[in-house]
Amino acid sequence: MDMMERLMNLDRRWLYLLVGLAAVIPILAPLNLPVNVSRPVQDLFDRVESLEPGEIIMVSFDYGPSTGPENDPMGDAIILHALARDLRVVVIALYPLGGVTEAREELERCVGDLDPPNGQIASERFPDKVYGRDFIYFGYKDGGLAAMRLMSDNMHEVFPADFYGTPLDEYELGREVQGYDNVAFVMSLATGIIGEWWANLVNAQFGTPVAVGCTAVSAPKYFAYYRAGQMFALLAGLKGAAEYEFLVSQKYPQLAQITDSFIYNAGKGWDVQSVVYSIITLFIIIGNVAFIVERRRQKRGM
């Protein structure tokens, strides 16, 4: 039996094992593969860098656990970047299938554990940052477009209290955010259509700058909004998250230490994707070459 026949008869379990190892090893021992930063990602980084300390950004968690591997690192990076720049962060959730827990989990990954606060609680990772003054979690609101529309007029009517049940008026940051006019931009971490709503309604009708971090499968449609100017920046899938994480860690090495402590971050995920896709592509090529060679042999033997 020659090499081609061996390849054609290779037990598929060897391929499964190889792909499994390729998925696990880069997480345990990151390869730190090169990252080329695209323009839509650079636009987000530059916009955050251009803001003055004390300005407010809103991060909307518009996805659930099913797309967490792509969206979670985006949430980590934007929150960490904003706090490192001394910006203030308002976190909300509009996705009904797990968005409320995703938002809290990612916020806690960035600032440390948050018990229900009765006033002020300091961040573990940013000792000078205080809940209610520098960052706050408004919680989840159902209604999608209706909630977005109402937030432009009266944010407190949509979110009368924060996630923990404390009235927003009891927090300094809560009192300051009355509508979209009080935020520098909105960052939507999206799966499905909610990111489009931010562009179609909030940007188009109210002029609020919008950036979106979407799953890779949704990226083609979101690029249309980006090129039309309805989104000023776009993180497309895990690759976009890895690019943004790279920019943030290069500018703020102390944040790289935080993300490196996460079991899963965008850099590790991009290593996994790159290696696994390379292996799959290699075996597709080998399989097709072996098939062509075998078919030619059969024709010669006729």
C-alpha atoms as a PDB file:
ATOM      1  CA  MET A   1       0.000   0.000   0.000  1.00  0.00           C
ATOM      2  CA  ASP A   2       1.555   3.319  -1.082  1.00  0.00           C
ATOM      3  CA  MET A   3       1.297   6.712   0.620  1.00  0.00           C
ATOM      4  CA  MET A   4      -1.827   7.828  -1.274  1.00  0.00           C
ATOM      5  CA  GLU A   5      -3.709   4.680  -0.342  1.00  0.00           C
ATOM      6  CA  ARG A   6      -2.728   5.134   3.289  1.00  0.00           C
ATOM      7  CA  LEU A   7      -4.064   8.670   3.240  1.00  0.00           C
ATOM      8  CA  MET A   8      -7.310   7.572   1.587  1.00  0.00           C
ATOM      9  CA  ASN A   9      -7.782   4.889   4.259  1.00  0.00           C
ATOM     10  CA  LEU A  10      -6.652   6.989   7.223  1.00  0.00           C
ATOM     11  CA  ASP A  11      -8.834   6.420  10.284  1.00  0.00           C
ATOM     12  CA  ARG A  12     -10.768   9.648  10.768  1.00  0.00           C
ATOM     13  CA  ARG A  13     -10.210   9.453  14.507  1.00  0.00           C
ATOM     14  CA  TRP A  14      -6.591  10.506  13.938  1.00  0.00           C
ATOM     15  CA  LEU A  15      -7.882  13.678  12.293  1.00  0.00           C
ATOM     16  CA  TYR A  16     -10.254  14.309  15.198  1.00  0.00           C
ATOM     17  CA  LEU A  17      -7.368  13.855  17.629  1.00  0.00           C
ATOM     18  CA  LEU A  18      -5.151  16.241  15.674  1.00  0.00           C
ATOM     19  CA  VAL A  19      -7.853  18.919  15.536  1.00  0.00           C
ATOM     20  CA  GLY A  20      -8.556  18.417  19.237  1.00  0.00           C
ATOM     21  CA  LEU A  21      -4.906  18.942  20.128  1.00  0.00           C
ATOM     22  CA  ALA A  22      -4.775  21.987  17.860  1.00  0.00           C
ATOM     23  CA  ALA A  23      -7.717  23.458  19.772  1.00  0.00           C
ATOM     24  CA  VAL A  24      -6.328  22.784  23.251  1.00  0.00           C
ATOM     25  CA  ILE A  25      -2.590  23.442  22.963  1.00  0.00           C
ATOM     26  CA  PRO A  26      -2.793  27.127  21.862  1.00  0.00           C
ATOM     27  CA  ILE A  27      -5.063  27.862  24.841  1.00  0.00           C
ATOM     28  CA  LEU A  28      -2.610  26.314  27.309  1.00  0.00           C
ATOM     29  CA  ALA A  29       0.489  27.616  25.509  1.00  0.00           C
ATOM     30  CA  PRO A  30      -0.440  30.659  23.359  1.00  0.00           C
ATOM     31  CA  LEU A  31       1.400  30.868  20.047  1.00  0.00           C
ATOM     32  CA  ASN A  32       1.042  34.665  19.778  1.00  0.00           C
ATOM     33  CA  LEU A  33       0.599  34.541  16.021  1.00  0.00           C
ATOM     34  CA  PRO A  34       0.983  37.865  14.160  1.00  0.00           C
ATOM     35  CA  VAL A  35      -2.054  40.156  14.074  1.00  0.00           C
ATOM     36  CA  ASN A  36      -2.660  42.590  11.208  1.00  0.00           C
ATOM     37  CA  VAL A  37      -5.011  45.353  12.295  1.00  0.00           C
ATOM     38  CA  SER A  38      -7.782  46.297   9.859  1.00  0.00           C
ATOM     39  CA  ARG A  39      -9.156  49.809   9.388  1.00  0.00           C
ATOM     40  CA  PRO A  40     -12.586  49.212  11.017  1.00  0.00           C
ATOM     41  CA  VAL A  41     -10.853  47.985  14.184  1.00  0.00           C
ATOM     42  CA  GLN A  42      -8.321  50.811  14.191  1.00  0.00           C
ATOM     43  CA  ASP A  43     -11.233  53.251  13.954  1.00  0.00           C
ATOM     44  CA  LEU A  44     -12.659  52.025  17.267  1.00  0.00           C
ATOM     45  CA  PHE A  45      -9.303  52.201  19.016  1.00  0.00           C
ATOM     46  CA  ASP A  46      -8.650  55.706  17.699  1.00  0.00           C
ATOM     47  CA  ARG A  47     -12.112  56.930  18.740  1.00  0.00           C
ATOM     48  CA  VAL A  48     -11.635  55.690  22.318  1.00  0.00           C
ATOM     49  CA  GLU A  49      -8.179  57.262  22.432  1.00  0.00           C
ATOM     50  CA  SER A  50      -9.575  60.583  21.206  1.00  0.00           C
ATOM     51  CA  LEU A  51     -12.102  60.971  24.033  1.00  0.00           C
ATOM     52  CA  GLU A  52     -11.420  63.168  27.041  1.00  0.00           C
ATOM     53  CA  PRO A  53     -11.182  61.580  30.508  1.00  0.00           C
ATOM     54  CA  GLY A  54     -14.588  61.524  32.148  1.00  0.00           C
ATOM     55  CA  GLU A  55     -16.570  61.124  28.938  1.00  0.00           C
ATOM     56  CA  ILE A  56     -19.180  58.354  28.942  1.00  0.00           C
ATOM     57  CA  ILE A  57     -19.581  55.420  26.592  1.00  0.00           C
ATOM     58  CA  MET A  58     -22.420  52.894  26.545  1.00  0.00           C
ATOM     59  CA  VAL A  59     -21.749  49.193  25.959  1.00  0.00           C
ATOM     60  CA  SER A  60     -24.823  47.166  25.003  1.00  0.00           C
ATOM     61  CA  PHE A  61     -24.649  43.383  25.375  1.00  0.00           C
ATOM     62  CA  ASP A  62     -26.822  42.203  22.512  1.00  0.00           C
ATOM     63  CA  TYR A  63     -25.799  38.540  22.427  1.00  0.00           C
ATOM     64  CA  GLY A  64     -26.141  35.352  24.424  1.00  0.00           C
ATOM     65  CA  PRO A  65     -23.905  32.457  25.516  1.00  0.00           C
ATOM     66  CA  SER A  66     -24.033  30.763  22.101  1.00  0.00           C
ATOM     67  CA  THR A  67     -21.776  33.451  20.574  1.00  0.00           C
ATOM     68  CA  GLY A  68     -19.798  34.174  23.716  1.00  0.00           C
ATOM     69  CA  PRO A  69     -16.476  32.855  22.348  1.00  0.00           C
ATOM     70  CA  GLU A  70     -16.565  35.607  19.707  1.00  0.00           C
ATOM     71  CA  ASN A  71     -18.322  38.405  21.592  1.00  0.00           C
ATOM     72  CA  ASP A  72     -16.923  37.995  25.120  1.00  0.00           C
ATOM     73  CA  PRO A  73     -13.369  39.136  24.246  1.00  0.00           C
ATOM     74  CA  MET A  74     -14.806  42.235  22.555  1.00  0.00           C
ATOM     75  CA  GLY A  75     -16.638  43.156  25.751  1.00  0.00           C
ATOM     76  CA  ASP A  76     -13.506  42.614  27.815  1.00  0.00           C
ATOM     77  CA  ALA A  77     -11.368  44.751  25.525  1.00  0.00           C
ATOM     78  CA  ILE A  78     -13.713  47.740  25.198  1.00  0.00           C
ATOM     79  CA  ILE A  79     -14.448  47.939  28.940  1.00  0.00           C
ATOM     80  CA  LEU A  80     -10.789  47.585  29.933  1.00  0.00           C
ATOM     81  CA  HIS A  81      -9.710  50.111  27.308  1.00  0.00           C
ATOM     82  CA  ALA A  82     -12.310  52.645  28.437  1.00  0.00           C
ATOM     83  CA  LEU A  83     -11.410  52.348  32.126  1.00  0.00           C
ATOM     84  CA  ALA A  84      -7.695  52.608  31.357  1.00  0.00           C
ATOM     85  CA  ARG A  85      -8.449  55.848  29.481  1.00  0.00           C
ATOM     86  CA  ASP A  86     -10.392  57.146  32.517  1.00  0.00           C
ATOM     87  CA  LEU A  87     -13.641  57.052  30.576  1.00  0.00           C
ATOM     88  CA  ARG A  88     -16.872  56.123  32.318  1.00  0.00           C
ATOM     89  CA  VAL A  89     -18.840  53.077  31.216  1.00  0.00           C
ATOM     90  CA  VAL A  90     -22.578  52.414  31.206  1.00  0.00           C
ATOM     91  CA  VAL A  91     -23.440  48.753  30.572  1.00  0.00           C
ATOM     92  CA  ILE A  92     -26.866  47.612  29.394  1.00  0.00           C
ATOM     93  CA  ALA A  93     -28.308  44.401  27.919  1.00  0.00           C
ATOM     94  CA  LEU A  94     -31.012  44.154  25.241  1.00  0.00           C
ATOM     95  CA  TYR A  95     -30.680  40.536  24.103  1.00  0.00           C
ATOM     96  CA  PRO A  96     -33.342  38.304  25.702  1.00  0.00           C
ATOM     97  CA  LEU A  97     -31.471  34.984  25.610  1.00  0.00           C
ATOM     98  CA  GLY A  98     -28.751  35.400  28.196  1.00  0.00           C
ATOM     99  CA  GLY A  99     -27.671  38.977  27.542  1.00  0.00           C
ATOM    100  CA  VAL A 100     -28.250  39.994  31.154  1.00  0.00           C
ATOM    101  CA  THR A 101     -25.836  37.372  32.496  1.00  0.00           C
ATOM    102  CA  GLU A 102     -23.278  37.942  29.738  1.00  0.00           C
ATOM    103  CA  ALA A 103     -23.157  41.644  30.607  1.00  0.00           C
ATOM    104  CA  ARG A 104     -22.638  41.063  34.309  1.00  0.00           C
ATOM    105  CA  GLU A 105     -20.058  38.315  33.799  1.00  0.00           C
ATOM    106  CA  GLU A 106     -17.963  40.398  31.408  1.00  0.00           C
ATOM    107  CA  LEU A 107     -18.142  43.473  33.613  1.00  0.00           C
ATOM    108  CA  GLU A 108     -17.011  41.416  36.584  1.00  0.00           C
ATOM    109  CA  ARG A 109     -14.167  39.884  34.574  1.00  0.00           C
ATOM    110  CA  CYS A 110     -12.900  43.417  33.966  1.00  0.00           C
ATOM    111  CA  VAL A 111     -13.439  45.102  37.332  1.00  0.00           C
ATOM    112  CA  GLY A 112     -13.663  42.189  39.771  1.00  0.00           C
ATOM    113  CA  ASP A 113     -16.562  40.624  41.658  1.00  0.00           C
ATOM    114  CA  LEU A 114     -19.582  42.855  42.205  1.00  0.00           C
ATOM    115  CA  ASP A 115     -21.961  42.146  45.052  1.00  0.00           C
ATOM    116  CA  PRO A 116     -25.245  44.059  45.031  1.00  0.00           C
ATOM    117  CA  PRO A 117     -23.924  47.502  45.973  1.00  0.00           C
ATOM    118  CA  ASN A 118     -25.730  49.846  48.321  1.00  0.00           C
ATOM    119  CA  GLY A 119     -24.047  52.997  47.128  1.00  0.00           C
ATOM    120  CA  GLN A 120     -20.336  52.705  46.364  1.00  0.00           C
ATOM    121  CA  ILE A 121     -18.115  49.704  45.730  1.00  0.00           C
ATOM    122  CA  ALA A 122     -14.553  49.929  44.473  1.00  0.00           C
ATOM    123  CA  SER A 123     -13.222  47.900  41.566  1.00  0.00           C
ATOM    124  CA  GLU A 124     -10.716  45.186  42.430  1.00  0.00           C
ATOM    125  CA  ARG A 125      -8.753  45.553  39.178  1.00  0.00           C
ATOM    126  CA  PHE A 126      -9.007  49.371  39.074  1.00  0.00           C
ATOM    127  CA  PRO A 127      -8.778  50.516  42.716  1.00  0.00           C
ATOM    128  CA  ASP A 128      -9.483  54.136  41.790  1.00  0.00           C
ATOM    129  CA  LYS A 129     -12.738  53.238  40.009  1.00  0.00           C
ATOM    130  CA  VAL A 130     -16.029  53.126  41.880  1.00  0.00           C
ATOM    131  CA  TYR A 131     -19.333  51.518  40.946  1.00  0.00           C
ATOM    132  CA  GLY A 132     -21.938  54.160  40.280  1.00  0.00           C
ATOM    133  CA  ARG A 133     -19.381  56.850  39.560  1.00  0.00           C
ATOM    134  CA  ASP A 134     -17.014  55.341  36.973  1.00  0.00           C
ATOM    135  CA  PHE A 135     -18.994  52.333  35.766  1.00  0.00           C
ATOM    136  CA  ILE A 136     -22.511  51.057  36.232  1.00  0.00           C
ATOM    137  CA  TYR A 137     -24.725  48.204  35.059  1.00  0.00           C
ATOM    138  CA  PHE A 138     -28.251  49.350  34.226  1.00  0.00           C
ATOM    139  CA  GLY A 139     -29.405  45.791  33.582  1.00  0.00           C
ATOM    140  CA  TYR A 140     -31.663  44.236  30.939  1.00  0.00           C
ATOM    141  CA  LYS A 141     -34.656  45.736  29.176  1.00  0.00           C
ATOM    142  CA  ASP A 142     -37.004  43.925  26.812  1.00  0.00           C
ATOM    143  CA  GLY A 143     -38.568  45.625  23.803  1.00  0.00           C
ATOM    144  CA  GLY A 144     -35.690  46.066  21.367  1.00  0.00           C
ATOM    145  CA  LEU A 145     -36.482  48.996  19.068  1.00  0.00           C
ATOM    146  CA  ALA A 146     -39.119  50.397  21.411  1.00  0.00           C
ATOM    147  CA  ALA A 147     -36.656  50.508  24.297  1.00  0.00           C
ATOM    148  CA  MET A 148     -33.979  52.108  22.077  1.00  0.00           C
ATOM    149  CA  ARG A 149     -36.444  54.781  20.946  1.00  0.00           C
ATOM    150  CA  LEU A 150     -37.530  55.602  24.478  1.00  0.00           C
ATOM    151  CA  MET A 151     -33.934  55.808  25.727  1.00  0.00           C
ATOM    152  CA  SER A 152     -33.386  58.841  23.507  1.00  0.00           C
ATOM    153  CA  ASP A 153     -36.026  60.797  25.458  1.00  0.00           C
ATOM    154  CA  ASN A 154     -35.746  59.430  28.972  1.00  0.00           C
ATOM    155  CA  MET A 155     -33.159  56.809  29.885  1.00  0.00           C
ATOM    156  CA  HIS A 156     -34.555  56.566  33.409  1.00  0.00           C
ATOM    157  CA  GLU A 157     -38.003  55.590  32.149  1.00  0.00           C
ATOM    158  CA  VAL A 158     -36.420  52.563  30.471  1.00  0.00           C
ATOM    159  CA  PHE A 159     -34.028  51.827  33.341  1.00  0.00           C
ATOM    160  CA  PRO A 160     -35.499  53.304  36.538  1.00  0.00           C
ATOM    161  CA  ALA A 161     -33.032  51.263  38.610  1.00  0.00           C
ATOM    162  CA  ASP A 162     -29.767  49.470  38.025  1.00  0.00           C
ATOM    163  CA  PHE A 163     -29.323  45.693  37.809  1.00  0.00           C
ATOM    164  CA  TYR A 164     -29.260  45.449  41.619  1.00  0.00           C
ATOM    165  CA  GLY A 165     -32.502  47.368  42.092  1.00  0.00           C
ATOM    166  CA  THR A 166     -31.057  50.666  43.289  1.00  0.00           C
ATOM    167  CA  PRO A 167     -32.674  53.769  41.716  1.00  0.00           C
ATOM    168  CA  LEU A 168     -30.358  55.345  39.145  1.00  0.00           C
ATOM    169  CA  ASP A 169     -30.740  58.760  40.762  1.00  0.00           C
ATOM    170  CA  GLU A 170     -28.783  57.477  43.744  1.00  0.00           C
ATOM    171  CA  TYR A 171     -25.668  57.129  41.574  1.00  0.00           C
ATOM    172  CA  GLU A 172     -23.608  59.993  40.204  1.00  0.00           C
ATOM    173  CA  LEU A 173     -23.226  58.306  36.827  1.00  0.00           C
ATOM    174  CA  GLY A 174     -26.882  57.311  36.784  1.00  0.00           C
ATOM    175  CA  ARG A 175     -27.968  60.922  37.259  1.00  0.00           C
ATOM    176  CA  GLU A 176     -25.725  62.125  34.430  1.00  0.00           C
ATOM    177  CA  VAL A 177     -27.031  59.732  31.773  1.00  0.00           C
ATOM    178  CA  GLN A 178     -30.478  60.937  30.778  1.00  0.00           C
ATOM    179  CA  GLY A 179     -30.320  60.044  27.068  1.00  0.00           C
ATOM    180  CA  TYR A 180     -28.032  59.456  24.108  1.00  0.00           C
ATOM    181  CA  ASP A 181     -26.844  63.065  24.217  1.00  0.00           C
ATOM    182  CA  ASN A 182     -24.909  62.196  27.363  1.00  0.00           C
ATOM    183  CA  VAL A 183     -22.818  59.397  25.817  1.00  0.00           C
ATOM    184  CA  ALA A 184     -19.910  59.770  23.385  1.00  0.00           C
ATOM    185  CA  PHE A 185     -20.906  56.630  21.499  1.00  0.00           C
ATOM    186  CA  VAL A 186     -22.671  53.287  21.814  1.00  0.00           C
ATOM    187  CA  MET A 187     -20.827  49.998  21.386  1.00  0.00           C
ATOM    188  CA  SER A 188     -23.161  47.112  20.510  1.00  0.00           C
ATOM    189  CA  LEU A 189     -21.803  43.596  20.988  1.00  0.00           C
ATOM    190  CA  ALA A 190     -24.244  41.853  18.729  1.00  0.00           C
ATOM    191  CA  THR A 191     -25.518  38.607  17.398  1.00  0.00           C
ATOM    192  CA  GLY A 192     -28.395  38.642  14.954  1.00  0.00           C
ATOM    193  CA  ILE A 193     -30.182  41.867  14.133  1.00  0.00           C
ATOM    194  CA  ILE A 194     -29.874  44.090  17.217  1.00  0.00           C
ATOM    195  CA  GLY A 195     -26.644  45.690  15.998  1.00  0.00           C
ATOM    196  CA  GLU A 196     -28.508  46.724  12.846  1.00  0.00           C
ATOM    197  CA  TRP A 197     -31.161  48.403  14.969  1.00  0.00           C
ATOM    198  CA  TRP A 198     -28.536  50.590  16.613  1.00  0.00           C
ATOM    199  CA  ALA A 199     -27.434  51.747  13.148  1.00  0.00           C
ATOM    200  CA  ASN A 200     -30.921  52.073  11.637  1.00  0.00           C
ATOM    201  CA  LEU A 201     -32.551  53.846  14.570  1.00  0.00           C
ATOM    202  CA  VAL A 202     -30.088  55.308  17.044  1.00  0.00           C
ATOM    203  CA  ASN A 203     -27.471  56.470  14.550  1.00  0.00           C
ATOM    204  CA  ALA A 204     -29.767  57.323  11.645  1.00  0.00           C
ATOM    205  CA  GLN A 205     -32.458  59.140  13.645  1.00  0.00           C
ATOM    206  CA  PHE A 206     -30.618  60.551  16.636  1.00  0.00           C
ATOM    207  CA  GLY A 207     -27.102  60.955  15.252  1.00  0.00           C
ATOM    208  CA  THR A 208     -25.479  58.959  18.052  1.00  0.00           C
ATOM    209  CA  PRO A 209     -22.168  57.403  16.931  1.00  0.00           C
ATOM    210  CA  VAL A 210     -22.430  53.611  16.880  1.00  0.00           C
ATOM    211  CA  ALA A 211     -19.804  50.868  16.737  1.00  0.00           C
ATOM    212  CA  VAL A 212     -20.587  47.164  16.498  1.00  0.00           C
ATOM    213  CA  GLY A 213     -18.780  43.983  17.445  1.00  0.00           C
ATOM    214  CA  CYS A 214     -20.456  41.143  15.576  1.00  0.00           C
ATOM    215  CA  THR A 215     -20.010  37.446  14.927  1.00  0.00           C
ATOM    216  CA  ALA A 216     -18.003  36.470  11.854  1.00  0.00           C
ATOM    217  CA  VAL A 217     -21.045  35.041  10.077  1.00  0.00           C
ATOM    218  CA  SER A 218     -22.825  38.404  10.421  1.00  0.00           C
ATOM    219  CA  ALA A 219     -19.851  40.507   9.335  1.00  0.00           C
ATOM    220  CA  PRO A 220     -20.717  40.866   5.607  1.00  0.00           C
ATOM    221  CA  LYS A 221     -23.990  42.677   6.283  1.00  0.00           C
ATOM    222  CA  TYR A 222     -22.433  44.876   8.958  1.00  0.00           C
ATOM    223  CA  PHE A 223     -19.641  45.965   6.641  1.00  0.00           C
ATOM    224  CA  ALA A 224     -22.353  47.555   4.477  1.00  0.00           C
ATOM    225  CA  TYR A 225     -23.381  49.762   7.416  1.00  0.00           C
ATOM    226  CA  TYR A 226     -19.757  50.582   8.169  1.00  0.00           C
ATOM    227  CA  ARG A 227     -19.034  51.642   4.595  1.00  0.00           C
ATOM    228  CA  ALA A 228     -22.226  53.694   4.520  1.00  0.00           C
ATOM    229  CA  GLY A 229     -21.061  55.611   7.597  1.00  0.00           C
ATOM    230  CA  GLN A 230     -23.840  54.378   9.880  1.00  0.00           C
ATOM    231  CA  MET A 231     -21.208  52.689  12.044  1.00  0.00           C
ATOM    232  CA  PHE A 232     -17.892  54.361  12.682  1.00  0.00           C
ATOM    233  CA  ALA A 233     -16.146  51.102  13.600  1.00  0.00           C
ATOM    234  CA  LEU A 234     -16.633  47.344  13.332  1.00  0.00           C
ATOM    235  CA  LEU A 235     -15.098  44.342  15.078  1.00  0.00           C
ATOM    236  CA  ALA A 236     -15.769  41.378  12.814  1.00  0.00           C
ATOM    237  CA  GLY A 237     -15.725  38.065  14.644  1.00  0.00           C
ATOM    238  CA  LEU A 238     -12.879  36.664  16.677  1.00  0.00           C
ATOM    239  CA  LYS A 239     -10.341  38.145  14.270  1.00  0.00           C
ATOM    240  CA  GLY A 240     -11.649  41.651  14.929  1.00  0.00           C
ATOM    241  CA  ALA A 241     -11.618  40.992  18.673  1.00  0.00           C
ATOM    242  CA  ALA A 242      -8.008  39.774  18.483  1.00  0.00           C
ATOM    243  CA  GLU A 243      -6.976  42.875  16.534  1.00  0.00           C
ATOM    244  CA  TYR A 244      -8.565  45.220  19.054  1.00  0.00           C
ATOM    245  CA  GLU A 245      -7.173  43.280  21.996  1.00  0.00           C
ATOM    246  CA  PHE A 246      -3.730  43.519  20.382  1.00  0.00           C
ATOM    247  CA  LEU A 247      -3.968  47.315  20.009  1.00  0.00           C
ATOM    248  CA  VAL A 248      -5.122  47.763  23.606  1.00  0.00           C
ATOM    249  CA  SER A 249      -2.439  45.484  25.055  1.00  0.00           C
ATOM    250  CA  GLN A 250       0.285  47.248  23.060  1.00  0.00           C
ATOM    251  CA  LYS A 251      -0.763  50.678  24.367  1.00  0.00           C
ATOM    252  CA  TYR A 252      -1.563  49.507  27.903  1.00  0.00           C
ATOM    253  CA  PRO A 253       0.717  46.598  28.930  1.00  0.00           C
ATOM    254  CA  GLN A 254      -0.973  46.411  32.331  1.00  0.00           C
ATOM    255  CA  LEU A 255      -4.189  45.375  30.592  1.00  0.00           C
ATOM    256  CA  ALA A 256      -2.369  42.591  28.765  1.00  0.00           C
ATOM    257  CA  GLN A 257      -1.638  41.058  32.159  1.00  0.00           C
ATOM    258  CA  ILE A 258      -5.361  41.058  32.944  1.00  0.00           C
ATOM    259  CA  THR A 259      -6.427  39.454  29.662  1.00  0.00           C
ATOM    260  CA  ASP A 260      -3.578  36.927  29.838  1.00  0.00           C
ATOM    261  CA  SER A 261      -5.066  35.699  33.113  1.00  0.00           C
ATOM    262  CA  PHE A 262      -8.311  34.786  31.352  1.00  0.00           C
ATOM    263  CA  ILE A 263      -8.560  31.153  30.323  1.00  0.00           C
ATOM    264  CA  TYR A 264      -9.980  32.284  27.016  1.00  0.00           C
ATOM    265  CA  ASN A 265      -9.269  35.569  25.283  1.00  0.00           C
ATOM    266  CA  ALA A 266      -9.255  36.778  21.691  1.00  0.00           C
ATOM    267  CA  GLY A 267      -5.532  36.180  21.122  1.00  0.00           C
ATOM    268  CA  LYS A 268      -5.732  32.575  22.254  1.00  0.00           C
ATOM    269  CA  GLY A 269      -8.931  32.075  20.297  1.00  0.00           C
ATOM    270  CA  TRP A 270      -7.349  33.438  17.136  1.00  0.00           C
ATOM    271  CA  ASP A 271      -4.388  31.080  17.592  1.00  0.00           C
ATOM    272  CA  VAL A 272      -6.843  28.170  17.843  1.00  0.00           C
ATOM    273  CA  GLN A 273      -8.822  29.236  14.788  1.00  0.00           C
ATOM    274  CA  SER A 274      -5.701  29.783  12.708  1.00  0.00           C
ATOM    275  CA  VAL A 275      -4.183  26.401  13.540  1.00  0.00           C
ATOM    276  CA  VAL A 276      -7.425  24.414  13.235  1.00  0.00           C
ATOM    277  CA  TYR A 277      -8.392  26.050   9.931  1.00  0.00           C
ATOM    278  CA  SER A 278      -4.895  25.425   8.586  1.00  0.00           C
ATOM    279  CA  ILE A 279      -5.110  21.731   9.486  1.00  0.00           C
ATOM    280  CA  ILE A 280      -8.565  21.386   7.948  1.00  0.00           C
ATOM    281  CA  THR A 281      -7.432  23.168   4.784  1.00  0.00           C
ATOM    282  CA  LEU A 282      -4.340  20.962   4.551  1.00  0.00           C
ATOM    283  CA  PHE A 283      -6.371  17.771   4.802  1.00  0.00           C
ATOM    284  CA  ILE A 284      -8.885  19.047   2.241  1.00  0.00           C
ATOM    285  CA  ILE A 285      -6.006  19.591  -0.185  1.00  0.00           C
ATOM    286  CA  ILE A 286      -4.470  16.200   0.606  1.00  0.00           C
ATOM    287  CA  GLY A 287      -7.836  14.465   0.249  1.00  0.00           C
ATOM    288  CA  ASN A 288      -8.500  16.050  -3.139  1.00  0.00           C
ATOM    289  CA  VAL A 289      -5.007  15.248  -4.427  1.00  0.00           C
ATOM    290  CA  ALA A 290      -5.352  11.646  -3.283  1.00  0.00           C
ATOM    291  CA  PHE A 291      -8.776  11.384  -4.936  1.00  0.00           C
ATOM    292  CA  ILE A 292      -7.473  12.755  -8.266  1.00  0.00           C
ATOM    293  CA  VAL A 293      -4.457  10.417  -8.225  1.00  0.00           C
ATOM    294  CA  GLU A 294      -6.625   7.405  -7.434  1.00  0.00           C
ATOM    295  CA  ARG A 295      -9.118   8.256 -10.189  1.00  0.00           C
ATOM    296  CA  ARG A 296      -6.315   8.544 -12.754  1.00  0.00           C
ATOM    297  CA  ARG A 297      -4.985   5.164 -11.684  1.00  0.00           C
ATOM    298  CA  GLN A 298      -8.392   3.629 -12.165  1.00  0.00           C
ATOM    299  CA  LYS A 299      -8.678   5.129 -15.663  1.00  0.00           C
ATOM    300  CA  ARG A 300      -5.268   3.751 -16.657  1.00  0.00           C
ATOM    301  CA  GLY A 301      -6.289   0.325 -15.413  1.00  0.00           C
ATOM    302  CA  MET A 302      -9.468   0.226 -17.540  1.00  0.00           C
END
